[in-house]
Amino acid sequence: MDQVSIHEHQVCLLLGSNEQPEHNLTQALVHLQEAVTILRVSSVWETPPVGTSGPNFLNAAVMLRTPLEQIPLKFQVLMPLEEKLGRRRSTDKYAARPIDLDIIIFDGQVMDPTLWQYAHRAVPMAEIQPDIRSEDGRTLQEIAAQFLAEGSIRLRPDVVISIK
């Protein structure tokens, strides 16, 4: 019997939390490892919340490999994991949350156009995909450097999440 080769997709996720973020980012990574192959994890970064008040967010980017297409990845892995960690969706898309898992890049294609607009997205993602280019030709690394210069995001070296 011939073995069927399964095409694996390379995906970059953004993880974010502002409810027990140190714990929830770590737990998200632990549970993700059960469903996908994690290749790289960025540093952890802190930013104020966007669109609301409340505790600051911690964010990290993760590069992974999976045989799942984008929609099954979202509905079979990411959303159930968010729910498992206590995420309850409401009409307030800016509400505090224990975990948020967003597909940002899928097979080299930017899936979230806000990647270029927010420090909490651009800076962690630039650590794992620095050469991705925006429509105006700037690299993600260049855009992240601009956010870092503005001081709207800070590195949290005291919070480390890593693959085992």
Foldseek 3Di string as FASTA:
>chain_A
DDDDDQDKKKFKKKKKAQPPALVLVQQLQVQVVVAWAWDDKFFWKWFAFPPDHDGIMIMIMTITIGSDDDVCCCVVPVVVSQVVQPADDDPPPRDGGGMDMGTQAMRLRGPDLCCLVDLRRLQNVCVVQQARADPVGHTSVVSNVVVVVVVRMDTDNVRDHDDD
